[in-house]
């Protein structure tokens, strides 16, 4: 599966299943320092893990602690450790790979992203144990299977709003099949994704934020679980919309601070766009239209 079908006149059409590289770059390639101003120095752009979902026990009091707890959850879940190899599907700016090496002493990490700025940021670190590729999950080929794989906040970009349930399940099944082939026997995949909760499909199509994330749609939980069945068993599943609400509120607070402190970096247009998007997301979680899932799969 290639990125594009290129025609004789030089024109090209994206041939993948989910969001195109251009759609990903529309949101993510708007300045690494801009994102750093409200995400924090580690540039982690997904919900932190603030509390244990069943007991309600607080495990973090700051955004940085919550993000570290989230990364540790996923890395622990796939058995990351000394001498192990890790694949990060949708690696962002590389925080999980850096933590896999610094805290878990992973031997080698491989990250993939469709964002040019994220790719360049990770590559510029020149860490010999980090390998990064500018490509889709559909195109990943590895010389040998890895011990574990994680995917945090990328699954939301794998399908598009116009696709019906059957098509989405088919796309997700392709993802799980490909990941199955990239893992060693009994290897694990730890997945984190936002999903549609109390929203029927007609409403979901109407409220999906295409102005923020073009060509992207959230899964329903049953779609992901059905798609994984031929290749993986579910070892653990937790849901916590509250984790994302709390993270979003902290991002919003920091975005407002950055706008006041660094108006050249966080100008009026960027501020208004992202403030509106973050507020809309908070409302979506508060109304239970969307929620957050962390699912640990084990290869059959």
C-alpha atoms as a PDB file:
ATOM      1  CA  UNK A   1       0.000   0.000   0.000  1.00  0.00           C
ATOM      2  CA  UNK A   2       1.601   3.261  -1.069  1.00  0.00           C
ATOM      3  CA  UNK A   3       0.912   6.777  -0.011  1.00  0.00           C
ATOM      4  CA  UNK A   4      -0.387   7.863  -3.381  1.00  0.00           C
ATOM      5  CA  UNK A   5      -1.445   6.932  -6.842  1.00  0.00           C
ATOM      6  CA  UNK A   6       0.504   9.206  -9.198  1.00  0.00           C
ATOM      7  CA  UNK A   7      -0.808   9.892 -12.705  1.00  0.00           C
ATOM      8  CA  UNK A   8       0.994  10.722 -15.948  1.00  0.00           C
ATOM      9  CA  UNK A   9       0.261  14.442 -15.611  1.00  0.00           C
ATOM     10  CA  UNK A  10       1.947  14.526 -12.212  1.00  0.00           C
ATOM     11  CA  UNK A  11      -1.273  14.744 -10.206  1.00  0.00           C
ATOM     12  CA  UNK A  12      -1.712  12.377  -7.277  1.00  0.00           C
ATOM     13  CA  UNK A  13      -4.511  10.950  -5.188  1.00  0.00           C
ATOM     14  CA  UNK A  14      -4.096   9.607  -1.671  1.00  0.00           C
ATOM     15  CA  UNK A  15      -4.828   5.887  -1.730  1.00  0.00           C
ATOM     16  CA  UNK A  16      -4.821   5.097   1.979  1.00  0.00           C
ATOM     17  CA  UNK A  17      -7.787   4.281   4.175  1.00  0.00           C
ATOM     18  CA  UNK A  18      -7.635   7.064   6.763  1.00  0.00           C
ATOM     19  CA  UNK A  19      -6.473  10.654   6.950  1.00  0.00           C
ATOM     20  CA  UNK A  20      -4.034  11.669   4.228  1.00  0.00           C
ATOM     21  CA  UNK A  21      -0.562  13.015   5.019  1.00  0.00           C
ATOM     22  CA  UNK A  22      -1.822  16.506   4.112  1.00  0.00           C
ATOM     23  CA  UNK A  23      -4.710  16.201   6.552  1.00  0.00           C
ATOM     24  CA  UNK A  24      -2.373  15.119   9.354  1.00  0.00           C
ATOM     25  CA  UNK A  25       0.045  17.946   8.604  1.00  0.00           C
ATOM     26  CA  UNK A  26      -2.786  20.491   8.575  1.00  0.00           C
ATOM     27  CA  UNK A  27      -3.139  20.010  12.325  1.00  0.00           C
ATOM     28  CA  UNK A  28       0.239  18.781  13.537  1.00  0.00           C
ATOM     29  CA  UNK A  29       2.658  20.769  11.377  1.00  0.00           C
ATOM     30  CA  UNK A  30       1.830  24.180  12.820  1.00  0.00           C
ATOM     31  CA  UNK A  31       4.990  24.691  14.851  1.00  0.00           C
ATOM     32  CA  UNK A  32       6.644  22.444  17.402  1.00  0.00           C
ATOM     33  CA  UNK A  33       7.389  25.371  19.718  1.00  0.00           C
ATOM     34  CA  UNK A  34       3.747  26.417  19.570  1.00  0.00           C
ATOM     35  CA  UNK A  35       2.690  22.967  20.769  1.00  0.00           C
ATOM     36  CA  UNK A  36       5.437  22.933  23.401  1.00  0.00           C
ATOM     37  CA  UNK A  37       4.042  26.164  24.885  1.00  0.00           C
ATOM     38  CA  UNK A  38       0.903  24.351  26.101  1.00  0.00           C
ATOM     39  CA  UNK A  39       1.651  20.627  25.943  1.00  0.00           C
ATOM     40  CA  UNK A  40       4.898  20.919  27.910  1.00  0.00           C
ATOM     41  CA  UNK A  41       8.510  20.112  27.138  1.00  0.00           C
ATOM     42  CA  UNK A  42       7.934  16.416  26.442  1.00  0.00           C
ATOM     43  CA  UNK A  43       5.327  17.258  23.760  1.00  0.00           C
ATOM     44  CA  UNK A  44       2.846  14.538  24.707  1.00  0.00           C
ATOM     45  CA  UNK A  45      -0.381  15.165  22.771  1.00  0.00           C
ATOM     46  CA  UNK A  46      -2.794  12.660  24.329  1.00  0.00           C
ATOM     47  CA  UNK A  47      -4.606  12.208  27.634  1.00  0.00           C
ATOM     48  CA  UNK A  48      -2.569  11.679  30.752  1.00  0.00           C
ATOM     49  CA  UNK A  49      -3.402   9.004  33.326  1.00  0.00           C
ATOM     50  CA  UNK A  50      -4.476  10.865  36.439  1.00  0.00           C
ATOM     51  CA  UNK A  51      -6.134   8.117  38.496  1.00  0.00           C
ATOM     52  CA  UNK A  52      -6.791   4.415  38.682  1.00  0.00           C
ATOM     53  CA  UNK A  53     -10.121   3.893  36.898  1.00  0.00           C
ATOM     54  CA  UNK A  54     -11.682   1.397  39.322  1.00  0.00           C
ATOM     55  CA  UNK A  55     -10.469   2.636  42.698  1.00  0.00           C
ATOM     56  CA  UNK A  56     -10.419   6.321  41.820  1.00  0.00           C
ATOM     57  CA  UNK A  57      -7.009   6.594  43.495  1.00  0.00           C
ATOM     58  CA  UNK A  58      -5.087   9.669  42.364  1.00  0.00           C
ATOM     59  CA  UNK A  59      -1.755   8.767  40.792  1.00  0.00           C
ATOM     60  CA  UNK A  60      -0.763  12.208  39.463  1.00  0.00           C
ATOM     61  CA  UNK A  61      -1.158  15.801  40.573  1.00  0.00           C
ATOM     62  CA  UNK A  62       0.513  17.563  37.631  1.00  0.00           C
ATOM     63  CA  UNK A  63       0.203  17.217  33.870  1.00  0.00           C
ATOM     64  CA  UNK A  64       3.803  16.048  33.644  1.00  0.00           C
ATOM     65  CA  UNK A  65       3.196  13.306  36.232  1.00  0.00           C
ATOM     66  CA  UNK A  66      -0.018  12.229  34.483  1.00  0.00           C
ATOM     67  CA  UNK A  67       1.729  11.984  31.133  1.00  0.00           C
ATOM     68  CA  UNK A  68       4.601   9.980  32.619  1.00  0.00           C
ATOM     69  CA  UNK A  69       2.084   7.635  34.283  1.00  0.00           C
ATOM     70  CA  UNK A  70       0.299   7.174  30.950  1.00  0.00           C
ATOM     71  CA  UNK A  71       3.501   6.358  29.079  1.00  0.00           C
ATOM     72  CA  UNK A  72       4.596   3.958  31.824  1.00  0.00           C
ATOM     73  CA  UNK A  73       1.214   2.217  31.693  1.00  0.00           C
ATOM     74  CA  UNK A  74       1.572   1.475  27.980  1.00  0.00           C
ATOM     75  CA  UNK A  75       5.251   0.529  28.167  1.00  0.00           C
ATOM     76  CA  UNK A  76       4.648  -1.758  31.150  1.00  0.00           C
ATOM     77  CA  UNK A  77       1.670  -3.306  29.362  1.00  0.00           C
ATOM     78  CA  UNK A  78       3.785  -4.479  26.419  1.00  0.00           C
ATOM     79  CA  UNK A  79       6.660  -5.708  28.580  1.00  0.00           C
ATOM     80  CA  UNK A  80       9.121  -3.014  27.587  1.00  0.00           C
ATOM     81  CA  UNK A  81      12.456  -3.602  29.265  1.00  0.00           C
ATOM     82  CA  UNK A  82      16.154  -4.177  28.890  1.00  0.00           C
ATOM     83  CA  UNK A  83      17.057  -5.591  25.501  1.00  0.00           C
ATOM     84  CA  UNK A  84      13.506  -5.270  24.163  1.00  0.00           C
ATOM     85  CA  UNK A  85      12.348  -3.702  20.907  1.00  0.00           C
ATOM     86  CA  UNK A  86       9.356  -1.385  20.624  1.00  0.00           C
ATOM     87  CA  UNK A  87       7.237  -0.096  17.734  1.00  0.00           C
ATOM     88  CA  UNK A  88       5.360   3.188  18.311  1.00  0.00           C
ATOM     89  CA  UNK A  89       2.602   3.629  15.724  1.00  0.00           C
ATOM     90  CA  UNK A  90       1.860   7.349  15.604  1.00  0.00           C
ATOM     91  CA  UNK A  91       4.907   8.324  17.659  1.00  0.00           C
ATOM     92  CA  UNK A  92       4.298  12.077  17.782  1.00  0.00           C
ATOM     93  CA  UNK A  93       7.400  13.928  18.921  1.00  0.00           C
ATOM     94  CA  UNK A  94       8.929  10.748  20.345  1.00  0.00           C
ATOM     95  CA  UNK A  95       8.157  10.976  24.082  1.00  0.00           C
ATOM     96  CA  UNK A  96       7.230   7.307  24.497  1.00  0.00           C
ATOM     97  CA  UNK A  97      10.368   6.146  22.706  1.00  0.00           C
ATOM     98  CA  UNK A  98      12.568   8.410  24.815  1.00  0.00           C
ATOM     99  CA  UNK A  99      10.951   7.070  27.997  1.00  0.00           C
ATOM    100  CA  UNK A 100      11.251   3.468  26.797  1.00  0.00           C
ATOM    101  CA  UNK A 101      15.008   3.997  26.573  1.00  0.00           C
ATOM    102  CA  UNK A 102      15.583   6.236  29.616  1.00  0.00           C
ATOM    103  CA  UNK A 103      13.369   4.403  32.129  1.00  0.00           C
ATOM    104  CA  UNK A 104      12.988   0.896  30.692  1.00  0.00           C
ATOM    105  CA  UNK A 105      16.362   0.564  28.910  1.00  0.00           C
ATOM    106  CA  UNK A 106      14.807  -0.637  25.645  1.00  0.00           C
ATOM    107  CA  UNK A 107      17.403  -1.737  23.125  1.00  0.00           C
ATOM    108  CA  UNK A 108      15.713  -0.269  20.050  1.00  0.00           C
ATOM    109  CA  UNK A 109      12.596   1.760  19.308  1.00  0.00           C
ATOM    110  CA  UNK A 110      10.942   2.406  15.959  1.00  0.00           C
ATOM    111  CA  UNK A 111       8.447   5.219  15.484  1.00  0.00           C
ATOM    112  CA  UNK A 112       6.201   6.132  12.577  1.00  0.00           C
ATOM    113  CA  UNK A 113       4.381   9.392  11.934  1.00  0.00           C
ATOM    114  CA  UNK A 114       2.792  11.247   9.022  1.00  0.00           C
ATOM    115  CA  UNK A 115       3.775  14.637  10.451  1.00  0.00           C
ATOM    116  CA  UNK A 116       6.877  16.121   8.834  1.00  0.00           C
ATOM    117  CA  UNK A 117       7.587  18.343  11.841  1.00  0.00           C
ATOM    118  CA  UNK A 118       7.319  15.451  14.279  1.00  0.00           C
ATOM    119  CA  UNK A 119       9.554  13.330  12.056  1.00  0.00           C
ATOM    120  CA  UNK A 120      12.224  16.039  11.865  1.00  0.00           C
ATOM    121  CA  UNK A 121      12.028  16.701  15.605  1.00  0.00           C
ATOM    122  CA  UNK A 122      12.633  13.042  16.469  1.00  0.00           C
ATOM    123  CA  UNK A 123      15.332  12.597  13.846  1.00  0.00           C
ATOM    124  CA  UNK A 124      17.182  15.708  15.046  1.00  0.00           C
ATOM    125  CA  UNK A 125      17.696  14.105  18.469  1.00  0.00           C
ATOM    126  CA  UNK A 126      20.116  11.620  16.829  1.00  0.00           C
ATOM    127  CA  UNK A 127      19.504   8.937  19.424  1.00  0.00           C
ATOM    128  CA  UNK A 128      21.083   5.707  18.146  1.00  0.00           C
ATOM    129  CA  UNK A 129      18.337   3.645  19.765  1.00  0.00           C
ATOM    130  CA  UNK A 130      15.513   5.610  18.102  1.00  0.00           C
ATOM    131  CA  UNK A 131      14.559   4.982  14.479  1.00  0.00           C
ATOM    132  CA  UNK A 132      11.803   7.118  12.966  1.00  0.00           C
ATOM    133  CA  UNK A 133       9.941   6.842   9.654  1.00  0.00           C
ATOM    134  CA  UNK A 134       7.698   9.296   7.842  1.00  0.00           C
ATOM    135  CA  UNK A 135       5.026   6.859   6.717  1.00  0.00           C
ATOM    136  CA  UNK A 136       1.597   5.374   7.347  1.00  0.00           C
ATOM    137  CA  UNK A 137       0.947   2.226   9.363  1.00  0.00           C
ATOM    138  CA  UNK A 138      -0.184   0.727   6.054  1.00  0.00           C
ATOM    139  CA  UNK A 139       3.389   0.892   4.743  1.00  0.00           C
ATOM    140  CA  UNK A 140       5.387  -0.342   7.741  1.00  0.00           C
ATOM    141  CA  UNK A 141       7.850  -3.122   6.964  1.00  0.00           C
ATOM    142  CA  UNK A 142      10.366  -4.266   9.587  1.00  0.00           C
ATOM    143  CA  UNK A 143      13.391  -6.515   9.101  1.00  0.00           C
ATOM    144  CA  UNK A 144      12.287  -8.621  12.079  1.00  0.00           C
ATOM    145  CA  UNK A 145       9.354  -8.664  14.520  1.00  0.00           C
ATOM    146  CA  UNK A 146       9.394  -6.475  17.623  1.00  0.00           C
ATOM    147  CA  UNK A 147       8.701  -7.440  21.223  1.00  0.00           C
ATOM    148  CA  UNK A 148       5.906  -4.923  21.753  1.00  0.00           C
ATOM    149  CA  UNK A 149       3.928  -2.169  20.047  1.00  0.00           C
ATOM    150  CA  UNK A 150       2.042   0.870  21.288  1.00  0.00           C
ATOM    151  CA  UNK A 151      -0.307   3.267  19.535  1.00  0.00           C
ATOM    152  CA  UNK A 152      -1.436   6.307  21.519  1.00  0.00           C
ATOM    153  CA  UNK A 153      -3.831   8.759  19.925  1.00  0.00           C
ATOM    154  CA  UNK A 154      -3.333   7.625  16.322  1.00  0.00           C
ATOM    155  CA  UNK A 155      -6.259   5.214  15.903  1.00  0.00           C
ATOM    156  CA  UNK A 156      -8.601   8.216  15.616  1.00  0.00           C
ATOM    157  CA  UNK A 157      -7.034   9.014  12.231  1.00  0.00           C
ATOM    158  CA  UNK A 158      -7.336   5.575  10.639  1.00  0.00           C
ATOM    159  CA  UNK A 159     -10.880   5.968   9.246  1.00  0.00           C
ATOM    160  CA  UNK A 160     -12.859   8.789   7.647  1.00  0.00           C
ATOM    161  CA  UNK A 161     -16.321  10.190   8.518  1.00  0.00           C
ATOM    162  CA  UNK A 162     -18.038   9.126   5.273  1.00  0.00           C
ATOM    163  CA  UNK A 163     -17.151   5.440   5.758  1.00  0.00           C
ATOM    164  CA  UNK A 164     -19.863   3.117   7.051  1.00  0.00           C
ATOM    165  CA  UNK A 165     -19.403   0.629   9.865  1.00  0.00           C
ATOM    166  CA  UNK A 166     -18.414  -2.269   7.618  1.00  0.00           C
ATOM    167  CA  UNK A 167     -15.720  -0.205   5.935  1.00  0.00           C
ATOM    168  CA  UNK A 168     -14.341   1.059   9.236  1.00  0.00           C
ATOM    169  CA  UNK A 169     -14.176  -2.437  10.701  1.00  0.00           C
ATOM    170  CA  UNK A 170     -12.373  -3.587   7.561  1.00  0.00           C
ATOM    171  CA  UNK A 171      -9.790  -0.810   7.917  1.00  0.00           C
ATOM    172  CA  UNK A 172      -9.254  -1.537  11.600  1.00  0.00           C
ATOM    173  CA  UNK A 173      -8.937  -5.255  10.837  1.00  0.00           C
ATOM    174  CA  UNK A 174      -6.192  -4.418   8.314  1.00  0.00           C
ATOM    175  CA  UNK A 175      -4.417  -2.443  11.032  1.00  0.00           C
ATOM    176  CA  UNK A 176      -4.598  -5.312  13.518  1.00  0.00           C
ATOM    177  CA  UNK A 177      -3.518  -7.829  10.902  1.00  0.00           C
ATOM    178  CA  UNK A 178      -0.492  -5.723   9.970  1.00  0.00           C
ATOM    179  CA  UNK A 179       0.426  -5.173  13.618  1.00  0.00           C
ATOM    180  CA  UNK A 180       0.039  -8.921  14.249  1.00  0.00           C
ATOM    181  CA  UNK A 181       2.632  -9.521  11.560  1.00  0.00           C
ATOM    182  CA  UNK A 182       5.046  -7.013  13.106  1.00  0.00           C
ATOM    183  CA  UNK A 183       4.985  -8.590  16.572  1.00  0.00           C
ATOM    184  CA  UNK A 184       6.713 -11.646  17.957  1.00  0.00           C
ATOM    185  CA  UNK A 185       4.480 -14.536  19.130  1.00  0.00           C
ATOM    186  CA  UNK A 186       2.511 -13.484  22.237  1.00  0.00           C
ATOM    187  CA  UNK A 187       3.684  -9.913  21.698  1.00  0.00           C
ATOM    188  CA  UNK A 188       1.398  -7.175  22.955  1.00  0.00           C
ATOM    189  CA  UNK A 189      -0.123  -4.035  21.496  1.00  0.00           C
ATOM    190  CA  UNK A 190      -1.229  -1.308  23.911  1.00  0.00           C
ATOM    191  CA  UNK A 191      -3.733   1.007  22.259  1.00  0.00           C
ATOM    192  CA  UNK A 192      -5.141   4.325  23.480  1.00  0.00           C
ATOM    193  CA  UNK A 193      -7.963   5.985  21.585  1.00  0.00           C
ATOM    194  CA  UNK A 194     -10.879   8.357  21.964  1.00  0.00           C
ATOM    195  CA  UNK A 195     -14.122   6.637  20.934  1.00  0.00           C
ATOM    196  CA  UNK A 196     -17.738   7.507  20.274  1.00  0.00           C
ATOM    197  CA  UNK A 197     -19.837   6.719  23.316  1.00  0.00           C
ATOM    198  CA  UNK A 198     -23.367   8.193  23.626  1.00  0.00           C
ATOM    199  CA  UNK A 199     -23.644   9.336  20.027  1.00  0.00           C
ATOM    200  CA  UNK A 200     -25.405   7.455  17.244  1.00  0.00           C
ATOM    201  CA  UNK A 201     -23.788   7.324  13.831  1.00  0.00           C
ATOM    202  CA  UNK A 202     -25.875  10.126  12.338  1.00  0.00           C
ATOM    203  CA  UNK A 203     -25.018  12.461  15.213  1.00  0.00           C
ATOM    204  CA  UNK A 204     -21.367  11.421  15.105  1.00  0.00           C
ATOM    205  CA  UNK A 205     -21.128  12.368  11.430  1.00  0.00           C
ATOM    206  CA  UNK A 206     -22.695  15.746  12.220  1.00  0.00           C
ATOM    207  CA  UNK A 207     -20.415  16.683  15.122  1.00  0.00           C
ATOM    208  CA  UNK A 208     -17.061  15.201  14.115  1.00  0.00           C
ATOM    209  CA  UNK A 209     -14.573  18.139  14.194  1.00  0.00           C
ATOM    210  CA  UNK A 210     -13.389  18.054  10.590  1.00  0.00           C
ATOM    211  CA  UNK A 211     -12.273  21.658  10.799  1.00  0.00           C
ATOM    212  CA  UNK A 212      -9.721  20.525  13.408  1.00  0.00           C
ATOM    213  CA  UNK A 213      -8.830  17.012  12.231  1.00  0.00           C
ATOM    214  CA  UNK A 214      -9.727  16.711   8.543  1.00  0.00           C
ATOM    215  CA  UNK A 215     -10.468  13.265   7.119  1.00  0.00           C
ATOM    216  CA  UNK A 216     -10.510  11.662  10.575  1.00  0.00           C
ATOM    217  CA  UNK A 217     -13.210   9.883  12.553  1.00  0.00           C
ATOM    218  CA  UNK A 218     -13.361   8.210  15.938  1.00  0.00           C
ATOM    219  CA  UNK A 219     -14.071   4.506  16.294  1.00  0.00           C
ATOM    220  CA  UNK A 220     -16.880   2.941  18.266  1.00  0.00           C
ATOM    221  CA  UNK A 221     -15.461   0.544  20.805  1.00  0.00           C
ATOM    222  CA  UNK A 222     -17.278  -2.433  19.297  1.00  0.00           C
ATOM    223  CA  UNK A 223     -15.695  -1.709  15.905  1.00  0.00           C
ATOM    224  CA  UNK A 224     -12.177  -1.903  17.311  1.00  0.00           C
ATOM    225  CA  UNK A 225     -12.845  -5.027  19.377  1.00  0.00           C
ATOM    226  CA  UNK A 226     -14.525  -6.851  16.499  1.00  0.00           C
ATOM    227  CA  UNK A 227     -11.700  -5.957  14.124  1.00  0.00           C
ATOM    228  CA  UNK A 228      -9.036  -7.271  16.511  1.00  0.00           C
ATOM    229  CA  UNK A 229     -10.649 -10.671  17.155  1.00  0.00           C
ATOM    230  CA  UNK A 230      -8.939 -12.767  14.465  1.00  0.00           C
ATOM    231  CA  UNK A 231      -5.478 -11.656  15.587  1.00  0.00           C
ATOM    232  CA  UNK A 232      -5.500 -10.605  19.247  1.00  0.00           C
ATOM    233  CA  UNK A 233      -7.087 -11.409  22.577  1.00  0.00           C
ATOM    234  CA  UNK A 234      -7.955  -8.560  24.935  1.00  0.00           C
ATOM    235  CA  UNK A 235      -5.854  -8.759  28.096  1.00  0.00           C
ATOM    236  CA  UNK A 236      -7.040  -5.506  29.707  1.00  0.00           C
ATOM    237  CA  UNK A 237      -9.422  -2.659  28.974  1.00  0.00           C
ATOM    238  CA  UNK A 238     -10.063   0.553  30.876  1.00  0.00           C
ATOM    239  CA  UNK A 239     -12.114   3.627  30.031  1.00  0.00           C
ATOM    240  CA  UNK A 240     -11.761   7.063  31.576  1.00  0.00           C
ATOM    241  CA  UNK A 241     -13.259  10.121  29.955  1.00  0.00           C
ATOM    242  CA  UNK A 242     -12.286  12.028  33.079  1.00  0.00           C
ATOM    243  CA  UNK A 243      -8.595  11.547  32.241  1.00  0.00           C
ATOM    244  CA  UNK A 244      -9.070  13.389  28.973  1.00  0.00           C
ATOM    245  CA  UNK A 245     -11.283  16.114  30.450  1.00  0.00           C
ATOM    246  CA  UNK A 246      -8.666  16.896  33.075  1.00  0.00           C
ATOM    247  CA  UNK A 247      -5.880  16.878  30.487  1.00  0.00           C
ATOM    248  CA  UNK A 248      -7.836  19.153  28.146  1.00  0.00           C
ATOM    249  CA  UNK A 249      -8.520  21.632  30.932  1.00  0.00           C
ATOM    250  CA  UNK A 250      -4.836  21.777  31.777  1.00  0.00           C
ATOM    251  CA  UNK A 251      -3.921  22.277  28.106  1.00  0.00           C
ATOM    252  CA  UNK A 252      -6.489  25.054  27.849  1.00  0.00           C
ATOM    253  CA  UNK A 253      -5.126  26.784  30.945  1.00  0.00           C
ATOM    254  CA  UNK A 254      -1.586  26.620  29.572  1.00  0.00           C
ATOM    255  CA  UNK A 255      -2.679  27.760  26.114  1.00  0.00           C
ATOM    256  CA  UNK A 256      -4.261  30.879  27.641  1.00  0.00           C
ATOM    257  CA  UNK A 257      -1.120  31.548  29.645  1.00  0.00           C
ATOM    258  CA  UNK A 258       1.059  31.142  26.574  1.00  0.00           C
ATOM    259  CA  UNK A 259      -1.141  33.506  24.562  1.00  0.00           C
ATOM    260  CA  UNK A 260      -0.662  36.178  27.219  1.00  0.00           C
ATOM    261  CA  UNK A 261       3.055  35.543  27.719  1.00  0.00           C
ATOM    262  CA  UNK A 262       4.146  34.826  24.135  1.00  0.00           C
ATOM    263  CA  UNK A 263       1.682  36.470  21.721  1.00  0.00           C
ATOM    264  CA  UNK A 264       4.103  36.151  18.802  1.00  0.00           C
ATOM    265  CA  UNK A 265       4.292  32.385  19.274  1.00  0.00           C
ATOM    266  CA  UNK A 266       0.625  31.928  20.173  1.00  0.00           C
ATOM    267  CA  UNK A 267      -0.949  34.609  18.017  1.00  0.00           C
ATOM    268  CA  UNK A 268      -4.607  35.595  18.059  1.00  0.00           C
ATOM    269  CA  UNK A 269      -5.610  33.286  15.210  1.00  0.00           C
ATOM    270  CA  UNK A 270      -3.881  30.181  16.591  1.00  0.00           C
ATOM    271  CA  UNK A 271      -5.161  30.925  20.059  1.00  0.00           C
ATOM    272  CA  UNK A 272      -8.794  31.355  19.014  1.00  0.00           C
ATOM    273  CA  UNK A 273      -8.770  28.202  16.869  1.00  0.00           C
ATOM    274  CA  UNK A 274      -7.221  25.967  19.525  1.00  0.00           C
ATOM    275  CA  UNK A 275      -9.143  27.466  22.439  1.00  0.00           C
ATOM    276  CA  UNK A 276     -12.419  26.772  20.633  1.00  0.00           C
ATOM    277  CA  UNK A 277     -11.363  23.223  19.746  1.00  0.00           C
ATOM    278  CA  UNK A 278     -10.259  22.384  23.288  1.00  0.00           C
ATOM    279  CA  UNK A 279     -13.461  23.784  24.768  1.00  0.00           C
ATOM    280  CA  UNK A 280     -15.571  21.753  22.328  1.00  0.00           C
ATOM    281  CA  UNK A 281     -13.688  18.596  23.273  1.00  0.00           C
ATOM    282  CA  UNK A 282     -14.283  19.237  26.983  1.00  0.00           C
ATOM    283  CA  UNK A 283     -18.015  19.531  26.283  1.00  0.00           C
ATOM    284  CA  UNK A 284     -17.965  16.291  24.271  1.00  0.00           C
ATOM    285  CA  UNK A 285     -16.460  14.360  27.183  1.00  0.00           C
ATOM    286  CA  UNK A 286     -18.689  16.076  29.753  1.00  0.00           C
ATOM    287  CA  UNK A 287     -21.805  15.052  27.798  1.00  0.00           C
ATOM    288  CA  UNK A 288     -20.529  11.469  27.376  1.00  0.00           C
ATOM    289  CA  UNK A 289     -20.619  11.738  23.611  1.00  0.00           C
ATOM    290  CA  UNK A 290     -16.983  10.638  23.563  1.00  0.00           C
ATOM    291  CA  UNK A 291     -14.746   8.800  25.995  1.00  0.00           C
ATOM    292  CA  UNK A 292     -11.243   7.393  26.278  1.00  0.00           C
ATOM    293  CA  UNK A 293     -10.155   3.760  26.126  1.00  0.00           C
ATOM    294  CA  UNK A 294      -6.873   2.025  26.839  1.00  0.00           C
ATOM    295  CA  UNK A 295      -6.813  -1.535  25.555  1.00  0.00           C
ATOM    296  CA  UNK A 296      -4.018  -4.072  25.899  1.00  0.00           C
ATOM    297  CA  UNK A 297      -4.080  -6.733  23.184  1.00  0.00           C
ATOM    298  CA  UNK A 298      -2.019  -9.937  23.084  1.00  0.00           C
ATOM    299  CA  UNK A 299      -1.086 -11.594  19.799  1.00  0.00           C
ATOM    300  CA  UNK A 300      -2.739 -14.961  19.231  1.00  0.00           C
END
